[in-house]
Amino acid sequence: MKPFPWPEAIGFGLGVLKLPPEQFWRMTPRELSYAIEAVRGGRSVPLDRGGLADLMKRFPDER
């Protein structure tokens, strides 16, 4: 299990969202996650094997 990325979370909350420290520390992890997602955009889904095969067919390396 990876440790929680406190430096990034604090930096984002205080630096990007410009939250006062009191507000930041009152947020739940879920609220912080939603705020980060709202600013950065939704999470991208990893490419699956079928998607990779489709891309390889459409854009082959060889000419």
N, C-alpha and C. Protein backbone atom coordinates (compact mmCIF):
# COMPACT_ATOMS: atom_id res chain seq x y z
N MET A 1 0.84 -1.18 0.00
CA MET A 1 0.00 0.00 0.00
C MET A 1 0.88 1.24 0.00
N LYS A 2 0.58 2.17 -0.90
CA LYS A 2 1.35 3.40 -0.99
C LYS A 2 0.91 4.37 0.09
N PRO A 3 1.84 5.10 0.69
CA PRO A 3 1.46 6.10 1.68
C PRO A 3 0.71 7.25 1.01
N PHE A 4 -0.12 7.92 1.79
CA PHE A 4 -0.88 9.05 1.26
C PHE A 4 0.08 10.16 0.84
N PRO A 5 -0.11 10.74 -0.35
CA PRO A 5 0.83 11.78 -0.85
C PRO A 5 0.56 13.15 -0.22
N TRP A 6 0.90 13.29 1.05
CA TRP A 6 0.61 14.54 1.76
C TRP A 6 1.22 15.77 1.11
N PRO A 7 2.50 15.75 0.68
CA PRO A 7 3.05 16.97 0.07
C PRO A 7 2.25 17.44 -1.14
N GLU A 8 1.84 16.50 -1.99
CA GLU A 8 1.07 16.87 -3.18
C GLU A 8 -0.33 17.37 -2.79
N ALA A 9 -0.96 16.69 -1.83
CA ALA A 9 -2.30 17.09 -1.41
C ALA A 9 -2.30 18.48 -0.78
N ILE A 10 -1.35 18.72 0.11
CA ILE A 10 -1.27 20.03 0.76
C ILE A 10 -0.93 21.10 -0.27
N GLY A 11 0.01 20.81 -1.15
CA GLY A 11 0.38 21.77 -2.19
C GLY A 11 -0.79 22.11 -3.08
N PHE A 12 -1.58 21.10 -3.45
CA PHE A 12 -2.73 21.35 -4.30
C PHE A 12 -3.80 22.14 -3.56
N GLY A 13 -4.10 21.73 -2.34
CA GLY A 13 -5.13 22.41 -1.57
C GLY A 13 -4.81 23.85 -1.27
N LEU A 14 -3.58 24.10 -0.83
CA LEU A 14 -3.21 25.45 -0.45
C LEU A 14 -2.73 26.28 -1.64
N GLY A 15 -2.00 25.64 -2.56
CA GLY A 15 -1.41 26.37 -3.67
C GLY A 15 -2.32 26.55 -4.86
N VAL A 16 -2.98 25.48 -5.28
CA VAL A 16 -3.84 25.55 -6.48
C VAL A 16 -5.24 26.01 -6.12
N LEU A 17 -5.84 25.37 -5.13
CA LEU A 17 -7.20 25.75 -4.74
C LEU A 17 -7.23 27.01 -3.89
N LYS A 18 -6.07 27.42 -3.37
CA LYS A 18 -5.96 28.63 -2.54
C LYS A 18 -6.86 28.57 -1.30
N LEU A 19 -6.98 27.38 -0.72
CA LEU A 19 -7.78 27.21 0.49
C LEU A 19 -7.01 27.72 1.70
N PRO A 20 -7.69 28.37 2.62
CA PRO A 20 -7.04 28.67 3.90
C PRO A 20 -6.75 27.34 4.61
N PRO A 21 -5.67 27.27 5.39
CA PRO A 21 -5.33 26.01 6.05
C PRO A 21 -6.48 25.41 6.85
N GLU A 22 -7.26 26.24 7.52
CA GLU A 22 -8.37 25.71 8.32
C GLU A 22 -9.38 24.96 7.44
N GLN A 23 -9.68 25.52 6.27
CA GLN A 23 -10.62 24.85 5.37
C GLN A 23 -10.01 23.57 4.81
N PHE A 24 -8.74 23.62 4.44
CA PHE A 24 -8.09 22.43 3.90
C PHE A 24 -8.16 21.27 4.89
N TRP A 25 -7.81 21.53 6.15
CA TRP A 25 -7.77 20.46 7.13
C TRP A 25 -9.15 19.97 7.55
N ARG A 26 -10.19 20.74 7.25
CA ARG A 26 -11.55 20.28 7.54
C ARG A 26 -12.14 19.44 6.41
N MET A 27 -11.48 19.44 5.24
CA MET A 27 -11.99 18.66 4.10
C MET A 27 -11.80 17.17 4.37
N THR A 28 -12.72 16.38 3.85
CA THR A 28 -12.52 14.93 3.88
C THR A 28 -11.66 14.55 2.68
N PRO A 29 -11.00 13.41 2.72
CA PRO A 29 -10.24 12.96 1.54
C PRO A 29 -11.11 12.89 0.28
N ARG A 30 -12.36 12.48 0.43
CA ARG A 30 -13.27 12.41 -0.73
C ARG A 30 -13.52 13.80 -1.29
N GLU A 31 -13.75 14.79 -0.43
CA GLU A 31 -13.96 16.16 -0.91
C GLU A 31 -12.73 16.68 -1.64
N LEU A 32 -11.55 16.42 -1.10
CA LEU A 32 -10.31 16.84 -1.75
C LEU A 32 -10.16 16.14 -3.10
N SER A 33 -10.48 14.87 -3.15
CA SER A 33 -10.40 14.12 -4.39
C SER A 33 -11.32 14.71 -5.46
N TYR A 34 -12.55 15.05 -5.07
CA TYR A 34 -13.49 15.65 -6.02
C TYR A 34 -13.00 17.02 -6.49
N ALA A 35 -12.41 17.79 -5.59
CA ALA A 35 -11.90 19.11 -5.97
C ALA A 35 -10.74 18.96 -6.95
N ILE A 36 -9.84 18.02 -6.70
CA ILE A 36 -8.72 17.78 -7.61
C ILE A 36 -9.23 17.35 -8.97
N GLU A 37 -10.20 16.43 -8.99
CA GLU A 37 -10.77 15.95 -10.24
C GLU A 37 -11.46 17.08 -11.01
N ALA A 38 -12.12 17.98 -10.31
CA ALA A 38 -12.80 19.10 -10.96
C ALA A 38 -11.81 20.02 -11.65
N VAL A 39 -10.63 20.20 -11.06
CA VAL A 39 -9.63 21.09 -11.65
C VAL A 39 -8.83 20.38 -12.74
N ARG A 40 -8.41 19.16 -12.48
CA ARG A 40 -7.56 18.43 -13.42
C ARG A 40 -8.32 17.68 -14.50
N GLY A 41 -9.60 17.47 -14.30
CA GLY A 41 -10.38 16.67 -15.24
C GLY A 41 -10.52 15.26 -14.71
N GLY A 42 -11.42 14.52 -15.32
CA GLY A 42 -11.68 13.15 -14.88
C GLY A 42 -10.49 12.24 -15.07
N ARG A 43 -10.56 11.13 -14.41
CA ARG A 43 -9.50 10.13 -14.54
C ARG A 43 -9.60 9.45 -15.89
N SER A 44 -8.47 9.21 -16.48
CA SER A 44 -8.48 8.47 -17.75
C SER A 44 -8.40 6.98 -17.45
N VAL A 45 -9.06 6.22 -18.27
CA VAL A 45 -9.08 4.77 -18.10
C VAL A 45 -7.90 4.19 -18.88
N PRO A 46 -7.14 3.28 -18.30
CA PRO A 46 -6.01 2.69 -19.03
C PRO A 46 -6.50 1.97 -20.29
N LEU A 47 -5.66 1.99 -21.29
CA LEU A 47 -5.96 1.33 -22.55
C LEU A 47 -5.97 -0.18 -22.34
N ASP A 48 -7.03 -0.84 -22.80
CA ASP A 48 -7.08 -2.30 -22.67
C ASP A 48 -6.48 -2.94 -23.92
N ARG A 49 -6.36 -4.26 -23.90
CA ARG A 49 -5.73 -4.98 -25.00
C ARG A 49 -6.45 -4.76 -26.32
N GLY A 50 -7.79 -4.74 -26.29
CA GLY A 50 -8.57 -4.51 -27.51
C GLY A 50 -8.35 -3.12 -28.07
N GLY A 51 -8.28 -2.13 -27.20
CA GLY A 51 -8.02 -0.77 -27.65
C GLY A 51 -6.64 -0.63 -28.26
N LEU A 52 -5.65 -1.29 -27.67
CA LEU A 52 -4.30 -1.27 -28.22
C LEU A 52 -4.27 -1.93 -29.59
N ALA A 53 -4.94 -3.08 -29.73
CA ALA A 53 -4.97 -3.78 -31.02
C ALA A 53 -5.62 -2.89 -32.08
N ASP A 54 -6.68 -2.18 -31.72
CA ASP A 54 -7.35 -1.28 -32.66
C ASP A 54 -6.41 -0.16 -33.10
N LEU A 55 -5.71 0.44 -32.15
CA LEU A 55 -4.75 1.50 -32.50
C LEU A 55 -3.63 0.98 -33.39
N MET A 56 -3.14 -0.23 -33.09
CA MET A 56 -2.06 -0.81 -33.89
C MET A 56 -2.52 -1.09 -35.32
N LYS A 57 -3.78 -1.47 -35.46
CA LYS A 57 -4.32 -1.73 -36.79
C LYS A 57 -4.50 -0.41 -37.56
N ARG A 58 -4.99 0.60 -36.87
CA ARG A 58 -5.24 1.88 -37.53
C ARG A 58 -3.97 2.68 -37.81
N PHE A 59 -2.98 2.51 -36.96
CA PHE A 59 -1.73 3.28 -37.09
C PHE A 59 -0.52 2.34 -37.00
N PRO A 60 -0.30 1.52 -38.03
CA PRO A 60 0.82 0.57 -37.98
C PRO A 60 2.16 1.29 -37.99
N ASP A 61 3.17 0.68 -37.39
CA ASP A 61 4.52 1.25 -37.36
C ASP A 61 5.16 1.22 -38.74
N GLU A 62 4.87 0.20 -39.51
CA GLU A 62 5.49 0.09 -40.83
C GLU A 62 4.65 0.79 -41.89
N ARG A 63 5.29 1.21 -42.93
CA ARG A 63 4.57 1.91 -44.01
C ARG A 63 4.31 1.00 -45.17
